[in-house]
């Protein structure tokens, strides 16, 4: 019985391990996320512009503005991501300063 209690106590005292991705994003992961957001915005803008031009038979009229709109949307999403990560980093630093 004591051996069982000792084994249970050892398992209870062991801290739970969390995955690396849950605690911290590496700079490479953040960079890839931002690149993907930018490319996705450009791709969506290109697709919409090309589709409208193909539908109406007016090749560069819709393509160019929608590429720029996609670029703007991608940059806006990147900035939102950067702001989110900055707020999270500041909160972590504030938590470290208090403790």
Protein backbone atom coordinates (compact mmCIF):
# COMPACT_ATOMS: atom_id res chain seq x y z
CA UNK A 1 0.00 0.00 0.00
CA UNK A 2 2.83 2.39 0.84
CA UNK A 3 4.52 1.71 -2.47
CA UNK A 4 1.31 2.56 -4.27
CA UNK A 5 0.94 5.78 -2.28
CA UNK A 6 4.54 6.74 -3.07
CA UNK A 7 4.03 6.16 -6.80
CA UNK A 8 0.84 8.21 -6.74
CA UNK A 9 2.60 11.02 -4.87
CA UNK A 10 5.41 11.06 -7.45
CA UNK A 11 2.91 11.33 -10.29
CA UNK A 12 0.96 14.08 -8.56
CA UNK A 13 4.08 16.15 -7.91
CA UNK A 14 5.27 15.92 -11.50
CA UNK A 15 4.45 19.16 -13.38
CA UNK A 16 2.37 18.76 -16.48
CA UNK A 17 4.36 19.27 -19.65
CA UNK A 18 2.86 21.42 -22.38
CA UNK A 19 3.84 21.50 -26.00
CA UNK A 20 6.39 24.07 -27.14
CA UNK A 21 3.91 25.63 -29.57
CA UNK A 22 1.42 26.37 -26.82
CA UNK A 23 3.84 28.43 -24.75
CA UNK A 24 6.02 30.22 -27.23
CA UNK A 25 6.13 31.00 -30.92
CA UNK A 26 9.57 31.09 -32.43
CA UNK A 27 10.50 34.00 -34.66
CA UNK A 28 10.54 31.68 -37.69
CA UNK A 29 6.97 30.61 -37.02
CA UNK A 30 5.85 34.22 -36.71
CA UNK A 31 7.66 35.16 -39.92
CA UNK A 32 6.09 32.29 -41.86
CA UNK A 33 2.66 33.19 -40.52
CA UNK A 34 3.06 36.77 -41.72
CA UNK A 35 4.37 35.70 -45.14
CA UNK A 36 1.44 33.33 -45.58
CA UNK A 37 -1.02 36.07 -44.60
CA UNK A 38 0.48 38.45 -47.16
CA UNK A 39 0.57 35.87 -49.95
CA UNK A 40 -2.98 34.76 -49.17
CA UNK A 41 -4.23 38.35 -49.44
CA UNK A 42 -2.47 38.79 -52.77
CA UNK A 43 -3.77 35.46 -54.04
CA UNK A 44 -7.35 36.19 -53.08
CA UNK A 45 -7.17 39.66 -54.66
CA UNK A 46 -5.66 38.21 -57.83
CA UNK A 47 -8.30 35.48 -57.99
CA UNK A 48 -11.21 37.87 -57.55
CA UNK A 49 -9.80 40.38 -60.06
CA UNK A 50 -8.98 37.74 -62.64
CA UNK A 51 -12.37 36.09 -62.18
CA UNK A 52 -14.24 39.37 -62.68
CA UNK A 53 -12.14 40.25 -65.71
CA UNK A 54 -12.74 36.85 -67.23
CA UNK A 55 -16.45 37.09 -66.52
CA UNK A 56 -16.83 40.55 -68.06
CA UNK A 57 -14.13 40.22 -70.74
CA UNK A 58 -12.16 43.26 -69.51
CA UNK A 59 -8.70 41.96 -68.73
CA UNK A 60 -6.73 44.43 -66.58
CA UNK A 61 -9.56 46.64 -65.30
CA UNK A 62 -10.49 44.56 -62.24
CA UNK A 63 -7.25 42.61 -61.89
CA UNK A 64 -4.98 45.52 -60.93
CA UNK A 65 -7.22 47.17 -58.30
CA UNK A 66 -8.03 43.84 -56.66
CA UNK A 67 -4.33 42.91 -56.49
CA UNK A 68 -3.71 46.18 -54.63
CA UNK A 69 -6.72 45.57 -52.38
CA UNK A 70 -5.40 42.06 -51.64
CA UNK A 71 -2.00 43.53 -50.83
CA UNK A 72 -3.58 46.06 -48.48
CA UNK A 73 -5.64 43.33 -46.79
CA UNK A 74 -2.53 41.15 -46.38
CA UNK A 75 -0.52 44.01 -44.87
CA UNK A 76 -3.40 44.89 -42.54
CA UNK A 77 -3.61 41.27 -41.38
CA UNK A 78 0.16 41.17 -40.84
CA UNK A 79 0.02 44.32 -38.73
CA UNK A 80 -2.84 42.89 -36.68
CA UNK A 81 -0.79 39.75 -36.05
CA UNK A 82 2.24 41.79 -35.04
CA UNK A 83 0.13 43.87 -32.66
CA UNK A 84 -1.41 40.73 -31.14
CA UNK A 85 2.00 39.17 -30.56
CA UNK A 86 3.36 42.42 -29.13
CA UNK A 87 0.48 42.67 -26.64
CA UNK A 88 1.01 39.04 -25.63
CA UNK A 89 4.75 39.64 -25.17
CA UNK A 90 4.13 42.77 -23.08
CA UNK A 91 1.64 40.89 -20.92
CA UNK A 92 4.18 38.11 -20.37
CA UNK A 93 6.85 40.65 -19.43
CA UNK A 94 4.47 42.41 -17.05
CA UNK A 95 3.67 39.07 -15.44
CA UNK A 96 7.39 38.35 -15.04
CA UNK A 97 8.01 41.78 -13.49
CA UNK A 98 5.29 41.29 -10.87
CA UNK A 99 6.38 37.78 -9.90
